């Protein structure tokens, strides 16, 4: 059972994971071989790290802080790469990535 203060991070990571999954599905990207550009690559990475962060926090592993730090870095990079203003679906992914990065950052300090 996750600690109470981690529940917000778990919730936002689930939302980010799901938003990334939706985007990947719409764009027919299931593996790294299907990646078209850096934004797609980072969305795939963001999906993976958010899913793993949820598992880590729910298990209360001793590496939760480090996993949150990695999640923060990947989500921030994904938001920066995909924040193009050209496509509302990409902007939606970028927004949730920034929110996730911020929540993880708050846990670190």
PDB file of N, CA and C in Angstrom:
ATOM      1  N   UNK A   1       0.843  -1.187   0.000  1.00  0.00           N
ATOM      2  CA  UNK A   1       0.000   0.000   0.000  1.00  0.00           C
ATOM      3  C   UNK A   1       0.886   1.246   0.000  1.00  0.00           C
ATOM      4  N   UNK A   2       0.595   2.164  -0.880  1.00  0.00           N
ATOM      5  CA  UNK A   2       1.404   3.373  -1.017  1.00  0.00           C
ATOM      6  C   UNK A   2       1.204   4.306   0.164  1.00  0.00           C
ATOM      7  N   UNK A   3       2.251   5.050   0.460  1.00  0.00           N
ATOM      8  CA  UNK A   3       2.158   6.072   1.497  1.00  0.00           C
ATOM      9  C   UNK A   3       1.200   7.156   1.045  1.00  0.00           C
ATOM     10  N   UNK A   4       0.531   7.758   2.001  1.00  0.00           N
ATOM     11  CA  UNK A   4      -0.482   8.756   1.695  1.00  0.00           C
ATOM     12  C   UNK A   4       0.076   9.916   0.872  1.00  0.00           C
ATOM     13  N   UNK A   5       1.276  10.395   1.212  1.00  0.00           N
ATOM     14  CA  UNK A   5       1.819  11.550   0.507  1.00  0.00           C
ATOM     15  C   UNK A   5       2.261  11.220  -0.919  1.00  0.00           C
ATOM     16  N   UNK A   6       2.372   9.932  -1.243  1.00  0.00           N
ATOM     17  CA  UNK A   6       2.731   9.535  -2.602  1.00  0.00           C
ATOM     18  C   UNK A   6       1.514   9.375  -3.505  1.00  0.00           C
ATOM     19  N   UNK A   7       0.324   9.377  -2.937  1.00  0.00           N
ATOM     20  CA  UNK A   7      -0.873   9.117  -3.743  1.00  0.00           C
ATOM     21  C   UNK A   7      -1.065  10.151  -4.849  1.00  0.00           C
ATOM     22  N   UNK A   8      -0.758  11.423  -4.580  1.00  0.00           N
ATOM     23  CA  UNK A   8      -0.871  12.445  -5.626  1.00  0.00           C
ATOM     24  C   UNK A   8       0.059  12.153  -6.794  1.00  0.00           C
ATOM     25  N   UNK A   9       1.267  11.710  -6.488  1.00  0.00           N
ATOM     26  CA  UNK A   9       2.228  11.390  -7.545  1.00  0.00           C
ATOM     27  C   UNK A   9       1.757  10.159  -8.323  1.00  0.00           C
ATOM     28  N   UNK A  10       1.252   9.173  -7.615  1.00  0.00           N
ATOM     29  CA  UNK A  10       0.727   7.977  -8.278  1.00  0.00           C
ATOM     30  C   UNK A  10      -0.403   8.370  -9.226  1.00  0.00           C
ATOM     31  N   UNK A  11      -1.302   9.207  -8.762  1.00  0.00           N
ATOM     32  CA  UNK A  11      -2.442   9.626  -9.586  1.00  0.00           C
ATOM     33  C   UNK A  11      -1.995  10.386 -10.828  1.00  0.00           C
ATOM     34  N   UNK A  12      -1.071  11.329 -10.677  1.00  0.00           N
ATOM     35  CA  UNK A  12      -0.626  12.112 -11.834  1.00  0.00           C
ATOM     36  C   UNK A  12       0.199  11.243 -12.785  1.00  0.00           C
ATOM     37  N   UNK A  13       0.970  10.310 -12.256  1.00  0.00           N
ATOM     38  CA  UNK A  13       1.729   9.397 -13.121  1.00  0.00           C
ATOM     39  C   UNK A  13       0.793   8.497 -13.922  1.00  0.00           C
ATOM     40  N   UNK A  14      -0.285   8.053 -13.306  1.00  0.00           N
ATOM     41  CA  UNK A  14      -1.273   7.249 -14.032  1.00  0.00           C
ATOM     42  C   UNK A  14      -1.912   8.064 -15.146  1.00  0.00           C
ATOM     43  N   UNK A  15      -2.237   9.317 -14.838  1.00  0.00           N
ATOM     44  CA  UNK A  15      -2.836  10.187 -15.852  1.00  0.00           C
ATOM     45  C   UNK A  15      -1.856  10.440 -17.005  1.00  0.00           C
ATOM     46  N   UNK A  16      -0.605  10.683 -16.667  1.00  0.00           N
ATOM     47  CA  UNK A  16       0.419  10.921 -17.689  1.00  0.00           C
ATOM     48  C   UNK A  16       0.634   9.658 -18.527  1.00  0.00           C
ATOM     49  N   UNK A  17       0.752   8.532 -17.857  1.00  0.00           N
ATOM     50  CA  UNK A  17       0.914   7.242 -18.551  1.00  0.00           C
ATOM     51  C   UNK A  17      -0.235   7.029 -19.531  1.00  0.00           C
ATOM     52  N   UNK A  18      -1.454   7.281 -19.076  1.00  0.00           N
ATOM     53  CA  UNK A  18      -2.627   7.056 -19.923  1.00  0.00           C
ATOM     54  C   UNK A  18      -2.685   8.024 -21.099  1.00  0.00           C
ATOM     55  N   UNK A  19      -2.334   9.283 -20.857  1.00  0.00           N
ATOM     56  CA  UNK A  19      -2.327  10.273 -21.947  1.00  0.00           C
ATOM     57  C   UNK A  19      -1.265   9.911 -22.984  1.00  0.00           C
ATOM     58  N   UNK A  20      -0.101   9.477 -22.515  1.00  0.00           N
ATOM     59  CA  UNK A  20       0.946   9.030 -23.445  1.00  0.00           C
ATOM     60  C   UNK A  20       0.482   7.804 -24.222  1.00  0.00           C
ATOM     61  N   UNK A  21      -0.151   6.866 -23.535  1.00  0.00           N
ATOM     62  CA  UNK A  21      -0.634   5.638 -24.182  1.00  0.00           C
ATOM     63  C   UNK A  21      -1.654   5.964 -25.274  1.00  0.00           C
ATOM     64  N   UNK A  22      -2.552   6.884 -24.984  1.00  0.00           N
ATOM     65  CA  UNK A  22      -3.550   7.289 -25.979  1.00  0.00           C
ATOM     66  C   UNK A  22      -2.872   7.867 -27.216  1.00  0.00           C
ATOM     67  N   UNK A  23      -1.897   8.751 -26.981  1.00  0.00           N
ATOM     68  CA  UNK A  23      -1.199   9.374 -28.099  1.00  0.00           C
ATOM     69  C   UNK A  23      -0.438   8.323 -28.908  1.00  0.00           C
ATOM     70  N   UNK A  24       0.238   7.423 -28.223  1.00  0.00           N
ATOM     71  CA  UNK A  24       0.983   6.371 -28.914  1.00  0.00           C
ATOM     72  C   UNK A  24       0.050   5.485 -29.732  1.00  0.00           C
ATOM     73  N   UNK A  25      -1.104   5.176 -29.173  1.00  0.00           N
ATOM     74  CA  UNK A  25      -2.068   4.335 -29.883  1.00  0.00           C
ATOM     75  C   UNK A  25      -2.598   5.028 -31.136  1.00  0.00           C
ATOM     76  N   UNK A  26      -2.977   6.292 -31.001  1.00  0.00           N
ATOM     77  CA  UNK A  26      -3.485   7.047 -32.141  1.00  0.00           C
ATOM     78  C   UNK A  26      -2.437   7.127 -33.250  1.00  0.00           C
ATOM     79  N   UNK A  27      -1.179   7.226 -32.851  1.00  0.00           N
ATOM     80  CA  UNK A  27      -0.095   7.343 -33.822  1.00  0.00           C
ATOM     81  C   UNK A  27       0.537   5.999 -34.175  1.00  0.00           C
ATOM     82  N   UNK A  28      -0.098   4.927 -33.725  1.00  0.00           N
ATOM     83  CA  UNK A  28       0.315   3.563 -34.058  1.00  0.00           C
ATOM     84  C   UNK A  28       1.784   3.280 -33.727  1.00  0.00           C
ATOM     85  N   UNK A  29       2.174   3.693 -32.516  1.00  0.00           N
ATOM     86  CA  UNK A  29       3.533   3.453 -32.042  1.00  0.00           C
ATOM     87  C   UNK A  29       3.453   2.516 -30.844  1.00  0.00           C
ATOM     88  N   UNK A  30       4.013   1.314 -31.012  1.00  0.00           N
ATOM     89  CA  UNK A  30       3.996   0.333 -29.939  1.00  0.00           C
ATOM     90  C   UNK A  30       5.396  -0.094 -29.506  1.00  0.00           C
ATOM     91  N   UNK A  31       6.357   0.139 -30.364  1.00  0.00           N
ATOM     92  CA  UNK A  31       7.739  -0.238 -30.051  1.00  0.00           C
ATOM     93  C   UNK A  31       8.672   0.886 -30.479  1.00  0.00           C
ATOM     94  N   UNK A  32       9.896   0.833 -29.995  1.00  0.00           N
ATOM     95  CA  UNK A  32      10.871   1.876 -30.349  1.00  0.00           C
ATOM     96  C   UNK A  32      11.208   1.853 -31.843  1.00  0.00           C
ATOM     97  N   UNK A  33      11.007   0.733 -32.506  1.00  0.00           N
ATOM     98  CA  UNK A  33      11.270   0.659 -33.948  1.00  0.00           C
ATOM     99  C   UNK A  33      10.274   1.491 -34.756  1.00  0.00           C
ATOM    100  N   UNK A  34       9.134   1.796 -34.172  1.00  0.00           N
ATOM    101  CA  UNK A  34       8.099   2.563 -34.868  1.00  0.00           C
ATOM    102  C   UNK A  34       8.183   4.061 -34.583  1.00  0.00           C
ATOM    103  N   UNK A  35       9.153   4.465 -33.802  1.00  0.00           N
ATOM    104  CA  UNK A  35       9.304   5.871 -33.418  1.00  0.00           C
ATOM    105  C   UNK A  35       9.725   6.699 -34.623  1.00  0.00           C
ATOM    106  N   UNK A  36       9.074   7.861 -34.761  1.00  0.00           N
ATOM    107  CA  UNK A  36       9.314   8.727 -35.912  1.00  0.00           C
ATOM    108  C   UNK A  36      10.290   9.864 -35.633  1.00  0.00           C
ATOM    109  N   UNK A  37      10.301  10.347 -34.382  1.00  0.00           N
ATOM    110  CA  UNK A  37      11.107  11.522 -34.053  1.00  0.00           C
ATOM    111  C   UNK A  37      11.403  11.546 -32.558  1.00  0.00           C
ATOM    112  N   UNK A  38      12.118  12.567 -32.107  1.00  0.00           N
ATOM    113  CA  UNK A  38      12.487  12.666 -30.688  1.00  0.00           C
ATOM    114  C   UNK A  38      11.275  12.807 -29.786  1.00  0.00           C
ATOM    115  N   UNK A  39      10.267  13.529 -30.226  1.00  0.00           N
ATOM    116  CA  UNK A  39       9.062  13.690 -29.420  1.00  0.00           C
ATOM    117  C   UNK A  39       8.402  12.333 -29.196  1.00  0.00           C
ATOM    118  N   UNK A  40       8.229  11.554 -30.233  1.00  0.00           N
ATOM    119  CA  UNK A  40       7.629  10.211 -30.113  1.00  0.00           C
ATOM    120  C   UNK A  40       8.462   9.318 -29.208  1.00  0.00           C
ATOM    121  N   UNK A  41       9.763   9.402 -29.346  1.00  0.00           N
ATOM    122  CA  UNK A  41      10.673   8.588 -28.532  1.00  0.00           C
ATOM    123  C   UNK A  41      10.507   8.947 -27.045  1.00  0.00           C
ATOM    124  N   UNK A  42      10.416  10.231 -26.770  1.00  0.00           N
ATOM    125  CA  UNK A  42      10.266  10.655 -25.377  1.00  0.00           C
ATOM    126  C   UNK A  42       8.877  10.337 -24.818  1.00  0.00           C
ATOM    127  N   UNK A  43       7.862  10.364 -25.646  1.00  0.00           N
ATOM    128  CA  UNK A  43       6.534   9.966 -25.177  1.00  0.00           C
ATOM    129  C   UNK A  43       6.544   8.486 -24.805  1.00  0.00           C
ATOM    130  N   UNK A  44       7.212   7.679 -25.576  1.00  0.00           N
ATOM    131  CA  UNK A  44       7.341   6.259 -25.255  1.00  0.00           C
ATOM    132  C   UNK A  44       8.120   6.072 -23.952  1.00  0.00           C
ATOM    133  N   UNK A  45       9.198   6.821 -23.771  1.00  0.00           N
ATOM    134  CA  UNK A  45       9.972   6.770 -22.532  1.00  0.00           C
ATOM    135  C   UNK A  45       9.144   7.256 -21.343  1.00  0.00           C
ATOM    136  N   UNK A  46       8.390   8.320 -21.563  1.00  0.00           N
ATOM    137  CA  UNK A  46       7.554   8.883 -20.508  1.00  0.00           C
ATOM    138  C   UNK A  46       6.486   7.876 -20.075  1.00  0.00           C
ATOM    139  N   UNK A  47       5.887   7.221 -21.037  1.00  0.00           N
ATOM    140  CA  UNK A  47       4.907   6.183 -20.736  1.00  0.00           C
ATOM    141  C   UNK A  47       5.532   5.117 -19.824  1.00  0.00           C
ATOM    142  N   UNK A  48       6.701   4.642 -20.220  1.00  0.00           N
ATOM    143  CA  UNK A  48       7.373   3.579 -19.463  1.00  0.00           C
ATOM    144  C   UNK A  48       7.739   4.022 -18.045  1.00  0.00           C
ATOM    145  N   UNK A  49       8.329   5.210 -17.910  1.00  0.00           N
ATOM    146  CA  UNK A  49       8.777   5.633 -16.580  1.00  0.00           C
ATOM    147  C   UNK A  49       7.588   5.963 -15.682  1.00  0.00           C
ATOM    148  N   UNK A  50       6.525   6.501 -16.222  1.00  0.00           N
ATOM    149  CA  UNK A  50       5.345   6.776 -15.392  1.00  0.00           C
ATOM    150  C   UNK A  50       4.725   5.468 -14.898  1.00  0.00           C
ATOM    151  N   UNK A  51       4.647   4.485 -15.777  1.00  0.00           N
ATOM    152  CA  UNK A  51       4.109   3.182 -15.372  1.00  0.00           C
ATOM    153  C   UNK A  51       4.980   2.570 -14.275  1.00  0.00           C
ATOM    154  N   UNK A  52       6.285   2.665 -14.429  1.00  0.00           N
ATOM    155  CA  UNK A  52       7.196   2.091 -13.436  1.00  0.00           C
ATOM    156  C   UNK A  52       7.179   2.875 -12.122  1.00  0.00           C
ATOM    157  N   UNK A  53       7.029   4.180 -12.214  1.00  0.00           N
ATOM    158  CA  UNK A  53       6.963   5.006 -11.007  1.00  0.00           C
ATOM    159  C   UNK A  53       5.742   4.628 -10.174  1.00  0.00           C
ATOM    160  N   UNK A  54       4.629   4.398 -10.819  1.00  0.00           N
ATOM    161  CA  UNK A  54       3.426   3.959 -10.108  1.00  0.00           C
ATOM    162  C   UNK A  54       3.701   2.665  -9.350  1.00  0.00           C
ATOM    163  N   UNK A  55       4.287   1.698 -10.024  1.00  0.00           N
ATOM    164  CA  UNK A  55       4.601   0.406  -9.393  1.00  0.00           C
ATOM    165  C   UNK A  55       5.544   0.606  -8.211  1.00  0.00           C
ATOM    166  N   UNK A  56       6.570   1.398  -8.417  1.00  0.00           N
ATOM    167  CA  UNK A  56       7.572   1.642  -7.375  1.00  0.00           C
ATOM    168  C   UNK A  56       6.958   2.287  -6.136  1.00  0.00           C
ATOM    169  N   UNK A  57       6.143   3.301  -6.346  1.00  0.00           N
ATOM    170  CA  UNK A  57       5.532   3.993  -5.207  1.00  0.00           C
ATOM    171  C   UNK A  57       4.499   3.124  -4.507  1.00  0.00           C
ATOM    172  N   UNK A  58       3.775   2.334  -5.266  1.00  0.00           N
ATOM    173  CA  UNK A  58       2.798   1.445  -4.636  1.00  0.00           C
ATOM    174  C   UNK A  58       3.483   0.365  -3.798  1.00  0.00           C
ATOM    175  N   UNK A  59       4.653  -0.068  -4.232  1.00  0.00           N
ATOM    176  CA  UNK A  59       5.405  -1.081  -3.480  1.00  0.00           C
ATOM    177  C   UNK A  59       6.216  -0.487  -2.335  1.00  0.00           C
ATOM    178  N   UNK A  60       6.374   0.828  -2.343  1.00  0.00           N
ATOM    179  CA  UNK A  60       7.209   1.520  -1.356  1.00  0.00           C
ATOM    180  C   UNK A  60       8.634   0.980  -1.353  1.00  0.00           C
ATOM    181  N   UNK A  61       9.215   0.857  -2.533  1.00  0.00           N
ATOM    182  CA  UNK A  61      10.572   0.337  -2.636  1.00  0.00           C
ATOM    183  C   UNK A  61      11.581   1.349  -2.097  1.00  0.00           C
ATOM    184  N   UNK A  62      12.756   0.887  -1.725  1.00  0.00           N
ATOM    185  CA  UNK A  62      13.775   1.816  -1.209  1.00  0.00           C
ATOM    186  C   UNK A  62      14.325   2.757  -2.288  1.00  0.00           C
ATOM    187  N   UNK A  63      13.973   2.532  -3.549  1.00  0.00           N
ATOM    188  CA  UNK A  63      14.473   3.362  -4.638  1.00  0.00           C
ATOM    189  C   UNK A  63      13.425   4.351  -5.142  1.00  0.00           C
ATOM    190  N   UNK A  64      12.370   4.557  -4.370  1.00  0.00           N
ATOM    191  CA  UNK A  64      11.285   5.448  -4.798  1.00  0.00           C
ATOM    192  C   UNK A  64      11.779   6.853  -5.126  1.00  0.00           C
ATOM    193  N   UNK A  65      12.644   7.388  -4.298  1.00  0.00           N
ATOM    194  CA  UNK A  65      13.144   8.748  -4.531  1.00  0.00           C
ATOM    195  C   UNK A  65      13.909   8.826  -5.855  1.00  0.00           C
ATOM    196  N   UNK A  66      14.761   7.860  -6.097  1.00  0.00           N
ATOM    197  CA  UNK A  66      15.550   7.860  -7.336  1.00  0.00           C
ATOM    198  C   UNK A  66      14.665   7.667  -8.566  1.00  0.00           C
ATOM    199  N   UNK A  67      13.656   6.823  -8.451  1.00  0.00           N
ATOM    200  CA  UNK A  67      12.740   6.610  -9.565  1.00  0.00           C
ATOM    201  C   UNK A  67      11.948   7.888  -9.838  1.00  0.00           C
ATOM    202  N   UNK A  68      11.508   8.568  -8.776  1.00  0.00           N
ATOM    203  CA  UNK A  68      10.806   9.847  -8.944  1.00  0.00           C
ATOM    204  C   UNK A  68      11.713  10.879  -9.612  1.00  0.00           C
ATOM    205  N   UNK A  69      12.975  10.871  -9.264  1.00  0.00           N
ATOM    206  CA  UNK A  69      13.912  11.808  -9.875  1.00  0.00           C
ATOM    207  C   UNK A  69      14.057  11.528 -11.368  1.00  0.00           C
ATOM    208  N   UNK A  70      14.166  10.257 -11.727  1.00  0.00           N
ATOM    209  CA  UNK A  70      14.257   9.887 -13.140  1.00  0.00           C
ATOM    210  C   UNK A  70      12.959  10.236 -13.872  1.00  0.00           C
ATOM    211  N   UNK A  71      11.825   9.989 -13.231  1.00  0.00           N
ATOM    212  CA  UNK A  71      10.531  10.335 -13.819  1.00  0.00           C
ATOM    213  C   UNK A  71      10.457  11.840 -14.069  1.00  0.00           C
ATOM    214  N   UNK A  72      10.908  12.610 -13.112  1.00  0.00           N
ATOM    215  CA  UNK A  72      10.899  14.068 -13.257  1.00  0.00           C
ATOM    216  C   UNK A  72      11.746  14.493 -14.461  1.00  0.00           C
ATOM    217  N   UNK A  73      12.925  13.911 -14.608  1.00  0.00           N
ATOM    218  CA  UNK A  73      13.816  14.270 -15.715  1.00  0.00           C
ATOM    219  C   UNK A  73      13.225  13.902 -17.076  1.00  0.00           C
ATOM    220  N   UNK A  74      12.675  12.697 -17.177  1.00  0.00           N
ATOM    221  CA  UNK A  74      12.118  12.238 -18.457  1.00  0.00           C
ATOM    222  C   UNK A  74      10.859  13.020 -18.812  1.00  0.00           C
ATOM    223  N   UNK A  75       9.987  13.230 -17.838  1.00  0.00           N
ATOM    224  CA  UNK A  75       8.757  13.984 -18.113  1.00  0.00           C
ATOM    225  C   UNK A  75       9.068  15.420 -18.522  1.00  0.00           C
ATOM    226  N   UNK A  76      10.024  16.041 -17.857  1.00  0.00           N
ATOM    227  CA  UNK A  76      10.421  17.408 -18.219  1.00  0.00           C
ATOM    228  C   UNK A  76      10.980  17.444 -19.639  1.00  0.00           C
ATOM    229  N   UNK A  77      11.838  16.506 -19.970  1.00  0.00           N
ATOM    230  CA  UNK A  77      12.410  16.443 -21.321  1.00  0.00           C
ATOM    231  C   UNK A  77      11.321  16.205 -22.364  1.00  0.00           C
ATOM    232  N   UNK A  78      10.377  15.340 -22.043  1.00  0.00           N
ATOM    233  CA  UNK A  78       9.266  15.063 -22.958  1.00  0.00           C
ATOM    234  C   UNK A  78       8.425  16.314 -23.173  1.00  0.00           C
ATOM    235  N   UNK A  79       8.103  16.998 -22.095  1.00  0.00           N
ATOM    236  CA  UNK A  79       7.342  18.234 -22.211  1.00  0.00           C
ATOM    237  C   UNK A  79       8.065  19.264 -23.060  1.00  0.00           C
ATOM    238  N   UNK A  80       9.363  19.413 -22.839  1.00  0.00           N
ATOM    239  CA  UNK A  80      10.147  20.385 -23.607  1.00  0.00           C
ATOM    240  C   UNK A  80      10.193  20.027 -25.093  1.00  0.00           C
ATOM    241  N   UNK A  81      10.389  18.771 -25.398  1.00  0.00           N
ATOM    242  CA  UNK A  81      10.502  18.333 -26.793  1.00  0.00           C
ATOM    243  C   UNK A  81       9.165  18.418 -27.525  1.00  0.00           C
ATOM    244  N   UNK A  82       8.083  18.124 -26.814  1.00  0.00           N
ATOM    245  CA  UNK A  82       6.778  18.016 -27.466  1.00  0.00           C
ATOM    246  C   UNK A  82       5.930  19.273 -27.356  1.00  0.00           C
ATOM    247  N   UNK A  83       6.408  20.285 -26.687  1.00  0.00           N
ATOM    248  CA  UNK A  83       5.664  21.531 -26.502  1.00  0.00           C
ATOM    249  C   UNK A  83       5.854  22.424 -27.726  1.00  0.00           C
ATOM    250  N   UNK A  84       5.256  22.011 -28.833  1.00  0.00           N
ATOM    251  CA  UNK A  84       5.476  22.693 -30.101  1.00  0.00           C
ATOM    252  C   UNK A  84       4.426  23.731 -30.444  1.00  0.00           C
ATOM    253  N   UNK A  85       3.229  23.597 -29.889  1.00  0.00           N
ATOM    254  CA  UNK A  85       2.165  24.523 -30.221  1.00  0.00           C
ATOM    255  C   UNK A  85       1.469  24.197 -31.532  1.00  0.00           C
ATOM    256  N   UNK A  86       1.959  23.182 -32.257  1.00  0.00           N
ATOM    257  CA  UNK A  86       1.418  22.847 -33.572  1.00  0.00           C
ATOM    258  C   UNK A  86       0.232  21.898 -33.507  1.00  0.00           C
ATOM    259  N   UNK A  87       0.193  21.060 -32.498  1.00  0.00           N
ATOM    260  CA  UNK A  87      -0.802  19.990 -32.445  1.00  0.00           C
ATOM    261  C   UNK A  87      -1.373  19.911 -31.034  1.00  0.00           C
ATOM    262  N   UNK A  88      -2.684  20.014 -30.904  1.00  0.00           N
ATOM    263  CA  UNK A  88      -3.294  20.035 -29.574  1.00  0.00           C
ATOM    264  C   UNK A  88      -3.078  18.727 -28.828  1.00  0.00           C
ATOM    265  N   UNK A  89      -3.006  17.592 -29.524  1.00  0.00           N
ATOM    266  CA  UNK A  89      -2.790  16.327 -28.819  1.00  0.00           C
ATOM    267  C   UNK A  89      -1.376  16.259 -28.246  1.00  0.00           C
ATOM    268  N   UNK A  90      -0.405  16.777 -28.960  1.00  0.00           N
ATOM    269  CA  UNK A  90       0.977  16.828 -28.460  1.00  0.00           C
ATOM    270  C   UNK A  90       1.066  17.820 -27.301  1.00  0.00           C
ATOM    271  N   UNK A  91       0.403  18.949 -27.438  1.00  0.00           N
ATOM    272  CA  UNK A  91       0.416  19.939 -26.357  1.00  0.00           C
ATOM    273  C   UNK A  91      -0.216  19.384 -25.093  1.00  0.00           C
ATOM    274  N   UNK A  92      -1.236  18.563 -25.246  1.00  0.00           N
ATOM    275  CA  UNK A  92      -1.889  17.928 -24.104  1.00  0.00           C
ATOM    276  C   UNK A  92      -0.919  16.981 -23.388  1.00  0.00           C
ATOM    277  N   UNK A  93      -0.146  16.247 -24.161  1.00  0.00           N
ATOM    278  CA  UNK A  93       0.875  15.360 -23.577  1.00  0.00           C
ATOM    279  C   UNK A  93       1.927  16.205 -22.865  1.00  0.00           C
ATOM    280  N   UNK A  94       2.377  17.272 -23.501  1.00  0.00           N
ATOM    281  CA  UNK A  94       3.396  18.136 -22.899  1.00  0.00           C
ATOM    282  C   UNK A  94       2.909  18.713 -21.569  1.00  0.00           C
ATOM    283  N   UNK A  95       1.671  19.140 -21.522  1.00  0.00           N
ATOM    284  CA  UNK A  95       1.118  19.721 -20.293  1.00  0.00           C
ATOM    285  C   UNK A  95       1.122  18.725 -19.142  1.00  0.00           C
ATOM    286  N   UNK A  96       0.651  17.513 -19.389  1.00  0.00           N
ATOM    287  CA  UNK A  96       0.611  16.518 -18.316  1.00  0.00           C
ATOM    288  C   UNK A  96       2.029  16.102 -17.927  1.00  0.00           C
ATOM    289  N   UNK A  97       2.939  16.105 -18.872  1.00  0.00           N
ATOM    290  CA  UNK A  97       4.343  15.793 -18.556  1.00  0.00           C
ATOM    291  C   UNK A  97       4.916  16.836 -17.602  1.00  0.00           C
ATOM    292  N   UNK A  98       4.643  18.103 -17.872  1.00  0.00           N
ATOM    293  CA  UNK A  98       5.122  19.164 -16.986  1.00  0.00           C
ATOM    294  C   UNK A  98       4.521  19.040 -15.583  1.00  0.00           C
ATOM    295  N   UNK A  99       3.229  18.733 -15.510  1.00  0.00           N
ATOM    296  CA  UNK A  99       2.586  18.563 -14.212  1.00  0.00           C
ATOM    297  C   UNK A  99       3.205  17.394 -13.443  1.00  0.00           C
ATOM    298  N   UNK A 100       3.459  16.309 -14.149  1.00  0.00           N
ATOM    299  CA  UNK A 100       4.053  15.132 -13.517  1.00  0.00           C
ATOM    300  C   UNK A 100       5.465  15.439 -13.030  1.00  0.00           C
ATOM    301  N   UNK A 101       6.236  16.114 -13.867  1.00  0.00           N
ATOM    302  CA  UNK A 101       7.595  16.483 -13.480  1.00  0.00           C
ATOM    303  C   UNK A 101       7.581  17.342 -12.220  1.00  0.00           C
ATOM    304  N   UNK A 102       6.671  18.282 -12.159  1.00  0.00           N
ATOM    305  CA  UNK A 102       6.585  19.169 -10.995  1.00  0.00           C
ATOM    306  C   UNK A 102       6.215  18.409  -9.725  1.00  0.00           C
ATOM    307  N   UNK A 103       5.276  17.492  -9.807  1.00  0.00           N
ATOM    308  CA  UNK A 103       4.890  16.710  -8.631  1.00  0.00           C
ATOM    309  C   UNK A 103       6.049  15.841  -8.157  1.00  0.00           C
ATOM    310  N   UNK A 104       6.749  15.234  -9.094  1.00  0.00           N
ATOM    311  CA  UNK A 104       7.916  14.423  -8.716  1.00  0.00           C
ATOM    312  C   UNK A 104       8.994  15.295  -8.090  1.00  0.00           C
ATOM    313  N   UNK A 105       9.202  16.472  -8.657  1.00  0.00           N
ATOM    314  CA  UNK A 105      10.206  17.416  -8.126  1.00  0.00           C
ATOM    315  C   UNK A 105       9.861  17.797  -6.685  1.00  0.00           C
ATOM    316  N   UNK A 106       8.591  18.022  -6.411  1.00  0.00           N
ATOM    317  CA  UNK A 106       8.166  18.381  -5.055  1.00  0.00           C
ATOM    318  C   UNK A 106       8.449  17.260  -4.074  1.00  0.00           C
ATOM    319  N   UNK A 107       8.350  16.023  -4.508  1.00  0.00           N
ATOM    320  CA  UNK A 107       8.626  14.888  -3.621  1.00  0.00           C
ATOM    321  C   UNK A 107      10.101  14.802  -3.253  1.00  0.00           C
ATOM    322  N   UNK A 108      10.930  15.272  -4.158  1.00  0.00           N
ATOM    323  CA  UNK A 108      12.381  15.162  -3.945  1.00  0.00           C
ATOM    324  C   UNK A 108      12.880  16.131  -2.872  1.00  0.00           C
ATOM    325  N   UNK A 109      12.139  17.213  -2.640  1.00  0.00           N
ATOM    326  CA  UNK A 109      12.631  18.239  -1.719  1.00  0.00           C
ATOM    327  C   UNK A 109      11.708  18.491  -0.571  1.00  0.00           C
TER     328      UNK A 109
END
